[in-house]
Structures are given as structure tokens and as C-alpha cells.
Amino acid sequence: MAKGIYTRIYTDIHQRISITRHALLQAQERNIGDADHIEDLIRTARVVRFGKNHAKFISHNGVTCIAEITTTDIIVITVERGNTP
């Protein structure tokens, strides 16, 4: 496993959720939450696909996670707070 990646496996999603160190630091800086909060957001948020392998996970309170999606992993790249479209 790469250094700086936080990983948990959820059987209900059938994909491993990995959160980069960069995304965790951004979440802390922006007072969004910790890794558990980000994982809950991934499981419950609205998904908007863009590009070939990327998606935005948009929560009802305006927190957005940008992630790369592969066949086995969801890799959270960045976390931001903004307006919901």
C-alpha cells in the first residue's frame, strides 16, 4: 500500500475506499471532519460522474469529495466545501 493512503474495506460498496493524505489534511484545514466522516459521505452522498474514471460525491450540506474510481478502489483525491448544484 502506498504511503499516505488511508484505507478501509466496505462489503456493502464492494470497493475499497482509500483517502489520500492530501484529502485528510484538506478536510482538517476546512473543518470538514475526519476519515470516518469522509467515508460516511462516500456511502451516502449523491454521485456525479465526470471523465472516464472520476466522480464527485456531493453531500446535502455542501461537502464535495473528488475521487478516482477503479474496479476495486474509490480513491478520494480532494475534499472541499462549496455550493451544491
Protein backbone atom coordinates (compact mmCIF):
# COMPACT_ATOMS: atom_id res chain seq x y z
CA MET A 1 0.00 0.00 0.00
CA ALA A 2 1.28 3.46 -0.86
CA LYS A 3 2.46 5.70 1.94
CA GLY A 4 -0.02 8.45 2.81
CA ILE A 5 -3.12 6.46 1.89
CA TYR A 6 -5.80 5.63 4.49
CA THR A 7 -7.79 2.56 3.52
CA ARG A 8 -10.86 0.71 4.75
CA ILE A 9 -12.85 -2.01 3.05
CA TYR A 10 -16.65 -1.93 3.00
CA THR A 11 -18.51 -5.01 1.85
CA ASP A 12 -21.69 -3.07 1.09
CA ILE A 13 -19.91 -0.95 -1.53
CA HIS A 14 -17.78 -3.80 -2.93
CA GLN A 15 -14.93 -1.36 -3.45
CA ARG A 16 -12.12 -0.34 -1.13
CA ILE A 17 -12.25 3.32 -0.03
CA SER A 18 -8.84 4.96 0.09
CA ILE A 19 -8.31 8.52 1.28
CA THR A 20 -5.10 10.28 0.35
CA ARG A 21 -3.12 12.15 2.97
CA HIS A 22 -3.76 15.32 0.98
CA ALA A 23 -7.54 14.84 1.27
CA LEU A 24 -7.31 14.23 5.03
CA LEU A 25 -5.23 17.38 5.52
CA GLN A 26 -7.70 19.42 3.45
CA ALA A 27 -10.61 18.09 5.50
CA GLN A 28 -8.86 19.12 8.71
CA GLU A 29 -7.95 22.58 7.38
CA ARG A 30 -11.52 23.22 6.24
CA ASN A 31 -13.14 21.82 9.40
CA ILE A 32 -14.98 19.18 7.42
CA GLY A 33 -14.20 16.17 9.57
CA ASP A 34 -12.01 13.12 9.86
CA ALA A 35 -11.66 9.93 7.81
CA ASP A 36 -14.84 8.42 9.24
CA HIS A 37 -16.84 11.47 8.17
CA ILE A 38 -15.40 11.28 4.65
CA GLU A 39 -16.23 7.57 4.42
CA ASP A 40 -19.82 8.23 5.54
CA LEU A 41 -20.07 10.93 2.90
CA ILE A 42 -18.90 8.49 0.19
CA ARG A 43 -21.55 5.96 1.23
CA THR A 44 -24.46 8.42 1.46
CA ALA A 45 -23.75 11.26 -0.99
CA ARG A 46 -25.09 11.87 -4.46
CA VAL A 47 -22.64 10.72 -7.14
CA VAL A 48 -21.90 12.77 -10.25
CA ARG A 49 -19.58 11.01 -12.68
CA PHE A 50 -17.19 13.06 -14.80
CA GLY A 51 -14.44 11.95 -17.11
CA LYS A 52 -13.65 8.31 -17.57
CA ASN A 53 -12.61 7.37 -14.03
CA HIS A 54 -13.65 10.23 -11.74
CA ALA A 55 -16.66 11.17 -9.68
CA LYS A 56 -17.87 13.87 -7.31
CA PHE A 57 -19.58 12.73 -4.14
CA ILE A 58 -21.81 15.64 -3.09
CA SER A 59 -23.41 15.65 0.35
CA HIS A 60 -26.58 17.52 1.32
CA ASN A 61 -24.57 20.01 3.43
CA GLY A 62 -22.31 21.11 0.57
CA VAL A 63 -19.21 18.98 1.18
CA THR A 64 -17.78 17.52 -2.02
CA CYS A 65 -15.26 14.71 -2.40
CA ILE A 66 -13.48 14.26 -5.71
CA ALA A 67 -12.43 10.66 -6.25
CA GLU A 68 -10.91 8.37 -8.81
CA ILE A 69 -12.88 5.17 -9.30
CA THR A 70 -11.31 1.90 -10.40
CA THR A 71 -12.82 -1.57 -10.47
CA THR A 72 -11.57 -2.30 -6.94
CA ASP A 73 -10.99 1.12 -5.33
CA ILE A 74 -12.53 4.51 -4.68
CA ILE A 75 -9.57 6.84 -4.09
CA VAL A 76 -10.55 10.17 -2.54
CA ILE A 77 -8.24 12.81 -4.00
CA THR A 78 -9.59 16.04 -2.57
CA VAL A 79 -12.28 17.35 -0.22
CA GLU A 80 -13.89 20.76 -0.49
CA ARG A 81 -16.79 22.73 0.85
CA GLY A 82 -18.89 24.63 -1.63
CA ASN A 83 -22.33 25.18 -3.08
CA THR A 84 -24.42 22.22 -4.10
CA PRO A 85 -25.53 22.39 -7.72
